[in-house]
Each structure stands twice: as structure tokens, then as C-alpha cells.
Amino acid sequence: MAFNKDSKQRRFLFALDLDGTLLADSGAGTIHPKTEEAIKRAVKEGHIVSIITGRPW
């Protein structure tokens, strides 16, 4: 994920699903360290990161 520091304060919403997308497929329920780093960087730069689901609950 590349973020442009000269983006003139543009903010983005990153909507992430959990199962098989954000969480590793290993079944351990963990986030890959590079993914975690990218999320933290996005938030630090003012972007919004949200969890979404396709589940009906």
C-alpha cells in the first residue's frame, strides 16, 4: 500500500473484511505483520480503517 504524502489532505476509507481477507488463512486468527503495519500507517496518515462483514449478524 503506497500513500502519497502530498495528497492535499485526501482521506480514504479502507473497509476490510475479516475472514480470509484481513485474518490469515492459517486459522490462527492473526493479522500478517505487514498488513498490521500498513493499517497503522494508514491511520497515522489520517485515513479511516473499518471492519466490515458479509455475515447477516
PDB file of N, CA and C in Angstrom:
ATOM      1  N   MET A   1       0.848  -1.169   0.000  1.00  0.00           N
ATOM      2  CA  MET A   1       0.000   0.000   0.000  1.00  0.00           C
ATOM      3  C   MET A   1       0.894   1.233   0.000  1.00  0.00           C
ATOM      4  N   ALA A   2       0.719   2.079  -0.951  1.00  0.00           N
ATOM      5  CA  ALA A   2       1.523   3.293  -1.023  1.00  0.00           C
ATOM      6  C   ALA A   2       0.642   4.507  -0.771  1.00  0.00           C
ATOM      7  N   PHE A   3       1.120   5.389   0.086  1.00  0.00           N
ATOM      8  CA  PHE A   3       0.383   6.599   0.406  1.00  0.00           C
ATOM      9  C   PHE A   3       1.199   7.795  -0.042  1.00  0.00           C
ATOM     10  N   ASN A   4       0.531   8.741  -0.659  1.00  0.00           N
ATOM     11  CA  ASN A   4       1.188   9.933  -1.156  1.00  0.00           C
ATOM     12  C   ASN A   4       1.119  11.014  -0.091  1.00  0.00           C
ATOM     13  N   LYS A   5       2.276  11.418   0.421  1.00  0.00           N
ATOM     14  CA  LYS A   5       2.302  12.447   1.457  1.00  0.00           C
ATOM     15  C   LYS A   5       1.853  13.807   0.928  1.00  0.00           C
ATOM     16  N   ASP A   6       1.875  13.993  -0.385  1.00  0.00           N
ATOM     17  CA  ASP A   6       1.447  15.246  -0.998  1.00  0.00           C
ATOM     18  C   ASP A   6       0.006  15.156  -1.475  1.00  0.00           C
ATOM     19  N   SER A   7      -0.810  14.442  -0.751  1.00  0.00           N
ATOM     20  CA  SER A   7      -2.182  14.175  -1.196  1.00  0.00           C
ATOM     21  C   SER A   7      -3.148  15.303  -0.867  1.00  0.00           C
ATOM     22  N   LYS A   8      -2.663  16.406  -0.366  1.00  0.00           N
ATOM     23  CA  LYS A   8      -3.502  17.569  -0.047  1.00  0.00           C
ATOM     24  C   LYS A   8      -4.634  17.190   0.913  1.00  0.00           C
ATOM     25  N   GLN A   9      -4.292  16.408   1.932  1.00  0.00           N
ATOM     26  CA  GLN A   9      -5.231  16.022   2.990  1.00  0.00           C
ATOM     27  C   GLN A   9      -6.351  15.113   2.504  1.00  0.00           C
ATOM     28  N   ARG A  10      -6.182  14.438   1.387  1.00  0.00           N
ATOM     29  CA  ARG A  10      -7.204  13.484   0.948  1.00  0.00           C
ATOM     30  C   ARG A  10      -7.220  12.329   1.931  1.00  0.00           C
ATOM     31  N   ARG A  11      -8.414  11.945   2.320  1.00  0.00           N
ATOM     32  CA  ARG A  11      -8.560  10.816   3.242  1.00  0.00           C
ATOM     33  C   ARG A  11      -9.325   9.712   2.541  1.00  0.00           C
ATOM     34  N   PHE A  12      -8.971   8.492   2.871  1.00  0.00           N
ATOM     35  CA  PHE A  12      -9.623   7.339   2.282  1.00  0.00           C
ATOM     36  C   PHE A  12     -10.218   6.471   3.373  1.00  0.00           C
ATOM     37  N   LEU A  13     -11.261   5.752   3.023  1.00  0.00           N
ATOM     38  CA  LEU A  13     -11.868   4.766   3.912  1.00  0.00           C
ATOM     39  C   LEU A  13     -11.441   3.395   3.414  1.00  0.00           C
ATOM     40  N   PHE A  14     -10.777   2.645   4.268  1.00  0.00           N
ATOM     41  CA  PHE A  14     -10.409   1.269   3.969  1.00  0.00           C
ATOM     42  C   PHE A  14     -11.373   0.372   4.734  1.00  0.00           C
ATOM     43  N   ALA A  15     -12.244  -0.316   4.017  1.00  0.00           N
ATOM     44  CA  ALA A  15     -13.231  -1.215   4.623  1.00  0.00           C
ATOM     45  C   ALA A  15     -12.735  -2.642   4.407  1.00  0.00           C
ATOM     46  N   LEU A  16     -12.416  -3.330   5.497  1.00  0.00           N
ATOM     47  CA  LEU A  16     -11.766  -4.635   5.419  1.00  0.00           C
ATOM     48  C   LEU A  16     -12.641  -5.732   6.013  1.00  0.00           C
ATOM     49  N   ASP A  17     -12.796  -6.802   5.263  1.00  0.00           N
ATOM     50  CA  ASP A  17     -13.480  -7.993   5.757  1.00  0.00           C
ATOM     51  C   ASP A  17     -12.470  -8.789   6.586  1.00  0.00           C
ATOM     52  N   LEU A  18     -12.957  -9.586   7.507  1.00  0.00           N
ATOM     53  CA  LEU A  18     -12.057 -10.345   8.373  1.00  0.00           C
ATOM     54  C   LEU A  18     -11.657 -11.694   7.783  1.00  0.00           C
ATOM     55  N   ASP A  19     -12.614 -12.587   7.638  1.00  0.00           N
ATOM     56  CA  ASP A  19     -12.338 -13.978   7.271  1.00  0.00           C
ATOM     57  C   ASP A  19     -11.685 -14.103   5.905  1.00  0.00           C
ATOM     58  N   GLY A  20     -10.452 -14.590   5.887  1.00  0.00           N
ATOM     59  CA  GLY A  20      -9.754 -14.834   4.638  1.00  0.00           C
ATOM     60  C   GLY A  20      -9.258 -13.589   3.928  1.00  0.00           C
ATOM     61  N   THR A  21      -9.553 -12.436   4.459  1.00  0.00           N
ATOM     62  CA  THR A  21      -9.083 -11.191   3.857  1.00  0.00           C
ATOM     63  C   THR A  21      -8.082 -10.531   4.796  1.00  0.00           C
ATOM     64  N   LEU A  22      -8.547 -10.075   5.936  1.00  0.00           N
ATOM     65  CA  LEU A  22      -7.672  -9.422   6.902  1.00  0.00           C
ATOM     66  C   LEU A  22      -6.955 -10.447   7.777  1.00  0.00           C
ATOM     67  N   LEU A  23      -7.686 -11.474   8.193  1.00  0.00           N
ATOM     68  CA  LEU A  23      -7.088 -12.509   9.035  1.00  0.00           C
ATOM     69  C   LEU A  23      -6.417 -13.560   8.163  1.00  0.00           C
ATOM     70  N   ALA A  24      -5.312 -14.076   8.644  1.00  0.00           N
ATOM     71  CA  ALA A  24      -4.572 -15.095   7.894  1.00  0.00           C
ATOM     72  C   ALA A  24      -5.420 -16.344   7.708  1.00  0.00           C
ATOM     73  N   ASP A  25      -5.235 -17.008   6.582  1.00  0.00           N
ATOM     74  CA  ASP A  25      -5.982 -18.227   6.283  1.00  0.00           C
ATOM     75  C   ASP A  25      -5.532 -19.419   7.120  1.00  0.00           C
ATOM     76  N   SER A  26      -4.502 -19.243   7.918  1.00  0.00           N
ATOM     77  CA  SER A  26      -3.952 -20.353   8.699  1.00  0.00           C
ATOM     78  C   SER A  26      -4.891 -20.829   9.797  1.00  0.00           C
ATOM     79  N   GLY A  27      -5.940 -20.080  10.056  1.00  0.00           N
ATOM     80  CA  GLY A  27      -6.870 -20.448  11.117  1.00  0.00           C
ATOM     81  C   GLY A  27      -6.460 -19.931  12.481  1.00  0.00           C
ATOM     82  N   ALA A  28      -5.330 -19.254  12.546  1.00  0.00           N
ATOM     83  CA  ALA A  28      -4.843 -18.740  13.823  1.00  0.00           C
ATOM     84  C   ALA A  28      -5.541 -17.446  14.226  1.00  0.00           C
ATOM     85  N   GLY A  29      -6.273 -16.841  13.297  1.00  0.00           N
ATOM     86  CA  GLY A  29      -6.978 -15.599  13.611  1.00  0.00           C
ATOM     87  C   GLY A  29      -6.048 -14.419  13.809  1.00  0.00           C
ATOM     88  N   THR A  30      -4.925 -14.414  13.111  1.00  0.00           N
ATOM     89  CA  THR A  30      -3.954 -13.336  13.263  1.00  0.00           C
ATOM     90  C   THR A  30      -3.851 -12.510  11.984  1.00  0.00           C
ATOM     91  N   ILE A  31      -3.373 -11.292  12.150  1.00  0.00           N
ATOM     92  CA  ILE A  31      -3.144 -10.391  11.025  1.00  0.00           C
ATOM     93  C   ILE A  31      -1.659 -10.454  10.679  1.00  0.00           C
ATOM     94  N   HIS A  32      -1.343 -10.548   9.407  1.00  0.00           N
ATOM     95  CA  HIS A  32       0.057 -10.583   8.974  1.00  0.00           C
ATOM     96  C   HIS A  32       0.739  -9.287   9.419  1.00  0.00           C
ATOM     97  N   PRO A  33       1.972  -9.366   9.904  1.00  0.00           N
ATOM     98  CA  PRO A  33       2.673  -8.162  10.372  1.00  0.00           C
ATOM     99  C   PRO A  33       2.737  -7.035   9.336  1.00  0.00           C
ATOM    100  N   LYS A  34       2.898  -7.363   8.062  1.00  0.00           N
ATOM    101  CA  LYS A  34       2.939  -6.311   7.034  1.00  0.00           C
ATOM    102  C   LYS A  34       1.578  -5.646   6.874  1.00  0.00           C
ATOM    103  N   THR A  35       0.518  -6.428   7.030  1.00  0.00           N
ATOM    104  CA  THR A  35      -0.832  -5.867   6.959  1.00  0.00           C
ATOM    105  C   THR A  35      -1.072  -4.949   8.146  1.00  0.00           C
ATOM    106  N   GLU A  36      -0.671  -5.394   9.321  1.00  0.00           N
ATOM    107  CA  GLU A  36      -0.817  -4.572  10.529  1.00  0.00           C
ATOM    108  C   GLU A  36      -0.049  -3.262  10.381  1.00  0.00           C
ATOM    109  N   GLU A  37       1.148  -3.342   9.849  1.00  0.00           N
ATOM    110  CA  GLU A  37       1.966  -2.147   9.635  1.00  0.00           C
ATOM    111  C   GLU A  37       1.281  -1.180   8.664  1.00  0.00           C
ATOM    112  N   ALA A  38       0.703  -1.713   7.596  1.00  0.00           N
ATOM    113  CA  ALA A  38       0.021  -0.873   6.607  1.00  0.00           C
ATOM    114  C   ALA A  38      -1.207  -0.201   7.210  1.00  0.00           C
ATOM    115  N   ILE A  39      -1.953  -0.924   8.041  1.00  0.00           N
ATOM    116  CA  ILE A  39      -3.134  -0.353   8.694  1.00  0.00           C
ATOM    117  C   ILE A  39      -2.722   0.775   9.631  1.00  0.00           C
ATOM    118  N   LYS A  40      -1.706   0.529  10.437  1.00  0.00           N
ATOM    119  CA  LYS A  40      -1.233   1.556  11.371  1.00  0.00           C
ATOM    120  C   LYS A  40      -0.755   2.796  10.619  1.00  0.00           C
ATOM    121  N   ARG A  41      -0.078   2.578   9.511  1.00  0.00           N
ATOM    122  CA  ARG A  41       0.407   3.711   8.715  1.00  0.00           C
ATOM    123  C   ARG A  41      -0.754   4.503   8.124  1.00  0.00           C
ATOM    124  N   ALA A  42      -1.756   3.800   7.634  1.00  0.00           N
ATOM    125  CA  ALA A  42      -2.926   4.470   7.062  1.00  0.00           C
ATOM    126  C   ALA A  42      -3.623   5.333   8.111  1.00  0.00           C
ATOM    127  N   VAL A  43      -3.811   4.784   9.304  1.00  0.00           N
ATOM    128  CA  VAL A  43      -4.466   5.532  10.388  1.00  0.00           C
ATOM    129  C   VAL A  43      -3.614   6.740  10.782  1.00  0.00           C
ATOM    130  N   LYS A  44      -2.319   6.534  10.892  1.00  0.00           N
ATOM    131  CA  LYS A  44      -1.414   7.628  11.262  1.00  0.00           C
ATOM    132  C   LYS A  44      -1.480   8.771  10.251  1.00  0.00           C
ATOM    133  N   GLU A  45      -1.695   8.416   8.982  1.00  0.00           N
ATOM    134  CA  GLU A  45      -1.766   9.427   7.934  1.00  0.00           C
ATOM    135  C   GLU A  45      -3.159  10.029   7.785  1.00  0.00           C
ATOM    136  N   GLY A  46      -4.083   9.652   8.690  1.00  0.00           N
ATOM    137  CA  GLY A  46      -5.398  10.282   8.699  1.00  0.00           C
ATOM    138  C   GLY A  46      -6.497   9.544   7.968  1.00  0.00           C
ATOM    139  N   HIS A  47      -6.197   8.354   7.473  1.00  0.00           N
ATOM    140  CA  HIS A  47      -7.211   7.572   6.779  1.00  0.00           C
ATOM    141  C   HIS A  47      -8.075   6.824   7.797  1.00  0.00           C
ATOM    142  N   ILE A  48      -9.221   6.372   7.361  1.00  0.00           N
ATOM    143  CA  ILE A  48     -10.148   5.644   8.224  1.00  0.00           C
ATOM    144  C   ILE A  48     -10.084   4.171   7.854  1.00  0.00           C
ATOM    145  N   VAL A  49      -9.915   3.313   8.853  1.00  0.00           N
ATOM    146  CA  VAL A  49      -9.896   1.869   8.633  1.00  0.00           C
ATOM    147  C   VAL A  49     -11.062   1.281   9.406  1.00  0.00           C
ATOM    148  N   SER A  50     -11.900   0.532   8.713  1.00  0.00           N
ATOM    149  CA  SER A  50     -13.104  -0.027   9.323  1.00  0.00           C
ATOM    150  C   SER A  50     -13.213  -1.512   8.988  1.00  0.00           C
ATOM    151  N   ILE A  51     -13.826  -2.250   9.887  1.00  0.00           N
ATOM    152  CA  ILE A  51     -14.097  -3.670   9.672  1.00  0.00           C
ATOM    153  C   ILE A  51     -15.510  -3.796   9.117  1.00  0.00           C
ATOM    154  N   ILE A  52     -15.661  -4.618   8.088  1.00  0.00           N
ATOM    155  CA  ILE A  52     -16.982  -4.892   7.528  1.00  0.00           C
ATOM    156  C   ILE A  52     -17.174  -6.400   7.469  1.00  0.00           C
ATOM    157  N   THR A  53     -18.395  -6.830   7.232  1.00  0.00           N
ATOM    158  CA  THR A  53     -18.669  -8.254   7.097  1.00  0.00           C
ATOM    159  C   THR A  53     -19.838  -8.470   6.147  1.00  0.00           C
ATOM    160  N   GLY A  54     -19.835  -9.611   5.526  1.00  0.00           N
ATOM    161  CA  GLY A  54     -20.958 -10.004   4.690  1.00  0.00           C
ATOM    162  C   GLY A  54     -21.914 -10.907   5.445  1.00  0.00           C
ATOM    163  N   ARG A  55     -21.604 -11.147   6.703  1.00  0.00           N
ATOM    164  CA  ARG A  55     -22.451 -12.008   7.530  1.00  0.00           C
ATOM    165  C   ARG A  55     -23.729 -11.267   7.923  1.00  0.00           C
ATOM    166  N   PRO A  56     -24.810 -12.002   8.085  1.00  0.00           N
ATOM    167  CA  PRO A  56     -26.100 -11.355   8.368  1.00  0.00           C
ATOM    168  C   PRO A  56     -26.292 -10.907   9.817  1.00  0.00           C
ATOM    169  N   TRP A  57     -25.275 -10.980  10.670  1.00  0.00           N
ATOM    170  CA  TRP A  57     -25.466 -10.576  12.067  1.00  0.00           C
ATOM    171  C   TRP A  57     -24.687  -9.398  12.398  1.00  0.00           C
TER     172      TRP A  57
END
